[in-house]
């Protein structure tokens, strides 16, 4: 009668396990690509290859993405080095913010 046991039964089939593995691979790949382009943007920004406004905008977008990726990895299989991305946006503010998060 409950939805969750029925969904779990469907997702545990070999066909769906293969689809989930492929989706996880694509998610991981997008994470690594984001790290690459973040680093590329940082290099270009620091060496004046891109404008300040463009570099800052891209940097902010990537930092939000890192939080989203980190949140996914926090709830995923352990251990994962990518969990550090979840709180990376708070590391700089932990000295000035008193709310604890």
N, C-alpha and C. Protein backbone atom coordinates (compact mmCIF):
# COMPACT_ATOMS: atom_id res chain seq x y z
N UNK A 1 0.80 -1.20 0.00
CA UNK A 1 0.00 0.00 0.00
C UNK A 1 0.84 1.27 0.00
N UNK A 2 2.05 1.17 0.54
CA UNK A 2 2.89 2.36 0.63
C UNK A 2 3.75 2.50 -0.62
N UNK A 3 4.01 3.73 -0.94
CA UNK A 3 4.75 4.04 -2.16
C UNK A 3 6.23 3.66 -2.07
N UNK A 4 6.89 3.96 -0.95
CA UNK A 4 8.32 3.75 -0.84
C UNK A 4 8.75 2.29 -1.06
N UNK A 5 8.10 1.30 -0.48
CA UNK A 5 8.51 -0.09 -0.76
C UNK A 5 8.37 -0.47 -2.24
N UNK A 6 7.34 0.03 -2.88
CA UNK A 6 7.17 -0.27 -4.31
C UNK A 6 8.27 0.39 -5.15
N UNK A 7 8.59 1.64 -4.83
CA UNK A 7 9.65 2.34 -5.56
C UNK A 7 10.99 1.65 -5.32
N UNK A 8 11.26 1.26 -4.06
CA UNK A 8 12.51 0.58 -3.73
C UNK A 8 12.65 -0.73 -4.51
N UNK A 9 11.55 -1.46 -4.65
CA UNK A 9 11.58 -2.72 -5.42
C UNK A 9 11.93 -2.46 -6.88
N UNK A 10 11.36 -1.41 -7.43
CA UNK A 10 11.64 -1.07 -8.84
C UNK A 10 13.09 -0.63 -8.99
N UNK A 11 13.56 0.22 -8.09
CA UNK A 11 14.92 0.75 -8.21
C UNK A 11 16.00 -0.29 -7.96
N UNK A 12 15.67 -1.38 -7.29
CA UNK A 12 16.65 -2.43 -7.03
C UNK A 12 16.77 -3.44 -8.15
N UNK A 13 16.04 -3.25 -9.23
CA UNK A 13 16.18 -4.16 -10.38
C UNK A 13 17.49 -3.85 -11.09
N UNK A 14 18.09 -4.85 -11.75
CA UNK A 14 19.36 -4.61 -12.45
C UNK A 14 19.28 -3.50 -13.49
N UNK A 15 18.16 -3.40 -14.17
CA UNK A 15 18.01 -2.35 -15.18
C UNK A 15 18.13 -0.96 -14.55
N UNK A 16 17.43 -0.76 -13.44
CA UNK A 16 17.48 0.54 -12.78
C UNK A 16 18.81 0.79 -12.08
N UNK A 17 19.44 -0.24 -11.56
CA UNK A 17 20.75 -0.08 -10.95
C UNK A 17 21.77 0.40 -11.98
N UNK A 18 21.64 -0.10 -13.20
CA UNK A 18 22.53 0.34 -14.28
C UNK A 18 22.28 1.81 -14.63
N UNK A 19 21.00 2.18 -14.69
CA UNK A 19 20.67 3.58 -14.97
C UNK A 19 21.16 4.51 -13.86
N UNK A 20 21.00 4.08 -12.61
CA UNK A 20 21.46 4.89 -11.49
C UNK A 20 22.98 5.01 -11.48
N UNK A 21 23.68 3.94 -11.83
CA UNK A 21 25.14 3.99 -11.89
C UNK A 21 25.59 4.97 -12.99
N UNK A 22 24.91 4.95 -14.12
CA UNK A 22 25.24 5.86 -15.21
C UNK A 22 24.98 7.32 -14.79
N UNK A 23 23.85 7.56 -14.11
CA UNK A 23 23.55 8.90 -13.63
C UNK A 23 24.57 9.40 -12.61
N UNK A 24 25.01 8.50 -11.74
CA UNK A 24 26.04 8.85 -10.76
C UNK A 24 27.35 9.20 -11.45
N UNK A 25 27.70 8.41 -12.46
CA UNK A 25 28.91 8.70 -13.23
C UNK A 25 28.83 10.09 -13.88
N UNK A 26 27.70 10.40 -14.50
CA UNK A 26 27.54 11.70 -15.14
C UNK A 26 27.58 12.84 -14.13
N UNK A 27 26.99 12.62 -12.96
CA UNK A 27 27.03 13.63 -11.92
C UNK A 27 28.47 13.87 -11.46
N UNK A 28 29.20 12.79 -11.22
CA UNK A 28 30.61 12.91 -10.83
C UNK A 28 31.43 13.62 -11.90
N UNK A 29 31.17 13.27 -13.16
CA UNK A 29 31.88 13.91 -14.27
C UNK A 29 31.59 15.41 -14.30
N UNK A 30 30.34 15.79 -14.09
CA UNK A 30 30.01 17.22 -14.09
C UNK A 30 30.68 17.92 -12.91
N UNK A 31 30.83 17.23 -11.79
CA UNK A 31 31.55 17.80 -10.65
C UNK A 31 33.01 18.06 -11.00
N UNK A 32 33.66 17.08 -11.61
CA UNK A 32 35.07 17.24 -11.98
C UNK A 32 35.24 18.32 -13.05
N UNK A 33 34.29 18.41 -13.97
CA UNK A 33 34.36 19.46 -14.99
C UNK A 33 34.20 20.84 -14.35
N UNK A 34 33.33 20.93 -13.34
CA UNK A 34 33.14 22.19 -12.64
C UNK A 34 34.43 22.61 -11.94
N UNK A 35 35.11 21.65 -11.30
CA UNK A 35 36.39 21.97 -10.66
C UNK A 35 37.39 22.47 -11.70
N UNK A 36 37.42 21.82 -12.85
CA UNK A 36 38.36 22.24 -13.90
C UNK A 36 38.05 23.66 -14.37
N UNK A 37 36.79 23.94 -14.67
CA UNK A 37 36.45 25.27 -15.18
C UNK A 37 36.53 26.34 -14.09
N UNK A 38 36.30 25.98 -12.85
CA UNK A 38 36.51 26.89 -11.74
C UNK A 38 37.98 27.29 -11.68
N UNK A 39 38.85 26.30 -11.77
CA UNK A 39 40.29 26.57 -11.74
C UNK A 39 40.73 27.39 -12.94
N UNK A 40 40.21 27.06 -14.10
CA UNK A 40 40.53 27.80 -15.32
C UNK A 40 40.07 29.25 -15.20
N UNK A 41 38.85 29.45 -14.70
CA UNK A 41 38.35 30.81 -14.51
C UNK A 41 39.20 31.56 -13.49
N UNK A 42 39.58 30.91 -12.40
CA UNK A 42 40.40 31.56 -11.38
C UNK A 42 41.73 31.99 -11.96
N UNK A 43 42.36 31.13 -12.73
CA UNK A 43 43.64 31.47 -13.37
C UNK A 43 43.46 32.65 -14.33
N UNK A 44 42.42 32.58 -15.17
CA UNK A 44 42.20 33.66 -16.14
C UNK A 44 41.86 34.97 -15.44
N UNK A 45 41.12 34.89 -14.37
CA UNK A 45 40.72 36.09 -13.63
C UNK A 45 41.93 36.72 -12.94
N UNK A 46 42.75 35.92 -12.32
CA UNK A 46 43.91 36.45 -11.61
C UNK A 46 44.99 37.00 -12.55
N UNK A 47 45.00 36.55 -13.79
CA UNK A 47 45.99 37.03 -14.76
C UNK A 47 45.39 38.01 -15.76
N UNK A 48 44.23 38.54 -15.44
CA UNK A 48 43.54 39.57 -16.25
C UNK A 48 43.23 39.13 -17.67
N UNK A 49 42.92 37.85 -17.86
CA UNK A 49 42.47 37.38 -19.16
C UNK A 49 40.97 37.56 -19.33
N UNK A 50 40.26 37.69 -18.24
CA UNK A 50 38.82 37.98 -18.28
C UNK A 50 38.56 39.21 -17.42
N UNK A 51 37.45 39.86 -17.66
CA UNK A 51 37.12 41.07 -16.90
C UNK A 51 36.78 40.71 -15.45
N UNK A 52 36.89 41.70 -14.60
CA UNK A 52 36.58 41.50 -13.19
C UNK A 52 35.14 41.05 -13.01
N UNK A 53 34.21 41.70 -13.71
CA UNK A 53 32.80 41.39 -13.57
C UNK A 53 32.50 39.96 -14.02
N UNK A 54 33.04 39.57 -15.15
CA UNK A 54 32.82 38.21 -15.65
C UNK A 54 33.41 37.19 -14.70
N UNK A 55 34.66 37.40 -14.30
CA UNK A 55 35.32 36.45 -13.41
C UNK A 55 34.60 36.30 -12.09
N UNK A 56 34.14 37.41 -11.52
CA UNK A 56 33.43 37.37 -10.25
C UNK A 56 32.10 36.65 -10.39
N UNK A 57 31.37 36.92 -11.46
CA UNK A 57 30.08 36.26 -11.69
C UNK A 57 30.25 34.76 -11.83
N UNK A 58 31.20 34.35 -12.64
CA UNK A 58 31.45 32.91 -12.83
C UNK A 58 31.90 32.28 -11.53
N UNK A 59 32.75 32.96 -10.78
CA UNK A 59 33.22 32.44 -9.50
C UNK A 59 32.05 32.22 -8.54
N UNK A 60 31.15 33.17 -8.47
CA UNK A 60 29.99 33.04 -7.58
C UNK A 60 29.09 31.88 -7.99
N UNK A 61 28.86 31.73 -9.27
CA UNK A 61 28.04 30.61 -9.75
C UNK A 61 28.70 29.28 -9.40
N UNK A 62 29.98 29.17 -9.64
CA UNK A 62 30.67 27.92 -9.32
C UNK A 62 30.66 27.63 -7.83
N UNK A 63 30.79 28.65 -7.00
CA UNK A 63 30.77 28.41 -5.56
C UNK A 63 29.41 27.89 -5.11
N UNK A 64 28.34 28.38 -5.70
CA UNK A 64 27.01 27.85 -5.39
C UNK A 64 26.91 26.41 -5.85
N UNK A 65 27.44 26.12 -7.03
CA UNK A 65 27.42 24.73 -7.53
C UNK A 65 28.20 23.81 -6.61
N UNK A 66 29.33 24.29 -6.09
CA UNK A 66 30.11 23.45 -5.18
C UNK A 66 29.30 23.11 -3.94
N UNK A 67 28.52 24.05 -3.44
CA UNK A 67 27.65 23.76 -2.31
C UNK A 67 26.63 22.70 -2.65
N UNK A 68 26.07 22.77 -3.85
CA UNK A 68 25.08 21.77 -4.28
C UNK A 68 25.74 20.40 -4.44
N UNK A 69 26.90 20.37 -5.08
CA UNK A 69 27.61 19.11 -5.22
C UNK A 69 27.96 18.52 -3.86
N UNK A 70 28.47 19.37 -2.97
CA UNK A 70 28.85 18.91 -1.64
C UNK A 70 27.66 18.37 -0.87
N UNK A 71 26.50 19.01 -1.02
CA UNK A 71 25.29 18.52 -0.36
C UNK A 71 24.92 17.13 -0.86
N UNK A 72 25.06 16.90 -2.14
CA UNK A 72 24.79 15.57 -2.70
C UNK A 72 25.76 14.55 -2.10
N UNK A 73 27.04 14.90 -2.04
CA UNK A 73 28.04 13.96 -1.55
C UNK A 73 27.93 13.74 -0.04
N UNK A 74 27.46 14.72 0.71
CA UNK A 74 27.26 14.53 2.15
C UNK A 74 26.26 13.40 2.40
N UNK A 75 25.24 13.33 1.56
CA UNK A 75 24.21 12.30 1.72
C UNK A 75 24.51 11.03 0.95
N UNK A 76 25.64 10.98 0.27
CA UNK A 76 25.99 9.81 -0.54
C UNK A 76 26.82 8.80 0.23
N UNK A 77 27.43 7.90 -0.54
CA UNK A 77 28.27 6.87 0.07
C UNK A 77 29.50 7.50 0.71
N UNK A 78 29.89 6.94 1.82
CA UNK A 78 31.03 7.44 2.56
C UNK A 78 32.23 6.53 2.36
N UNK A 79 33.44 6.96 2.48
CA UNK A 79 33.84 8.36 2.57
C UNK A 79 33.92 8.98 1.18
N UNK A 80 33.80 10.28 1.13
CA UNK A 80 33.92 11.02 -0.13
C UNK A 80 34.64 12.33 0.15
N UNK A 81 35.73 12.53 -0.54
CA UNK A 81 36.49 13.76 -0.37
C UNK A 81 35.68 14.97 -0.81
N UNK A 82 34.70 14.75 -1.68
CA UNK A 82 33.91 15.86 -2.21
C UNK A 82 32.97 16.45 -1.17
N UNK A 83 32.82 15.81 -0.01
CA UNK A 83 31.97 16.37 1.04
C UNK A 83 32.45 17.74 1.50
N UNK A 84 33.74 18.00 1.35
CA UNK A 84 34.28 19.28 1.80
C UNK A 84 33.67 20.45 1.05
N UNK A 85 33.13 20.19 -0.14
CA UNK A 85 32.52 21.27 -0.92
C UNK A 85 31.25 21.79 -0.27
N UNK A 86 30.63 20.98 0.59
CA UNK A 86 29.37 21.40 1.19
C UNK A 86 29.55 22.65 2.04
N UNK A 87 30.59 22.67 2.86
CA UNK A 87 30.79 23.80 3.77
C UNK A 87 31.84 24.79 3.30
N UNK A 88 32.36 24.63 2.10
CA UNK A 88 33.44 25.51 1.68
C UNK A 88 33.02 26.97 1.60
N UNK A 89 31.75 27.23 1.36
CA UNK A 89 31.29 28.62 1.32
C UNK A 89 31.19 29.24 2.69
N UNK A 90 31.19 28.41 3.75
CA UNK A 90 31.08 28.92 5.11
C UNK A 90 32.43 29.09 5.79
N UNK A 91 33.47 28.54 5.22
CA UNK A 91 34.78 28.58 5.87
C UNK A 91 35.26 30.01 6.06
N UNK A 92 35.08 30.83 5.06
CA UNK A 92 35.52 32.23 5.18
C UNK A 92 34.68 33.04 6.14
N UNK A 93 33.42 32.68 6.30
CA UNK A 93 32.53 33.47 7.16
C UNK A 93 32.50 32.96 8.59
N UNK A 94 33.14 31.84 8.87
CA UNK A 94 33.05 31.32 10.22
C UNK A 94 33.76 32.22 11.24
N UNK A 95 34.62 33.09 10.78
CA UNK A 95 35.29 34.01 11.70
C UNK A 95 34.41 35.21 12.03
N UNK A 96 33.49 35.55 11.16
CA UNK A 96 32.67 36.74 11.38
C UNK A 96 31.23 36.42 11.70
N UNK A 97 30.72 35.27 11.27
CA UNK A 97 29.32 34.92 11.51
C UNK A 97 29.19 34.21 12.86
N UNK A 98 28.22 34.61 13.62
CA UNK A 98 28.05 34.04 14.95
C UNK A 98 26.86 33.09 15.02
N UNK A 99 26.20 32.85 13.91
CA UNK A 99 25.04 31.97 13.95
C UNK A 99 25.43 30.50 13.86
N UNK A 100 26.68 30.20 13.62
CA UNK A 100 27.15 28.82 13.61
C UNK A 100 27.00 28.09 12.31
N UNK A 101 26.43 28.72 11.30
CA UNK A 101 26.29 28.03 10.01
C UNK A 101 26.26 29.02 8.89
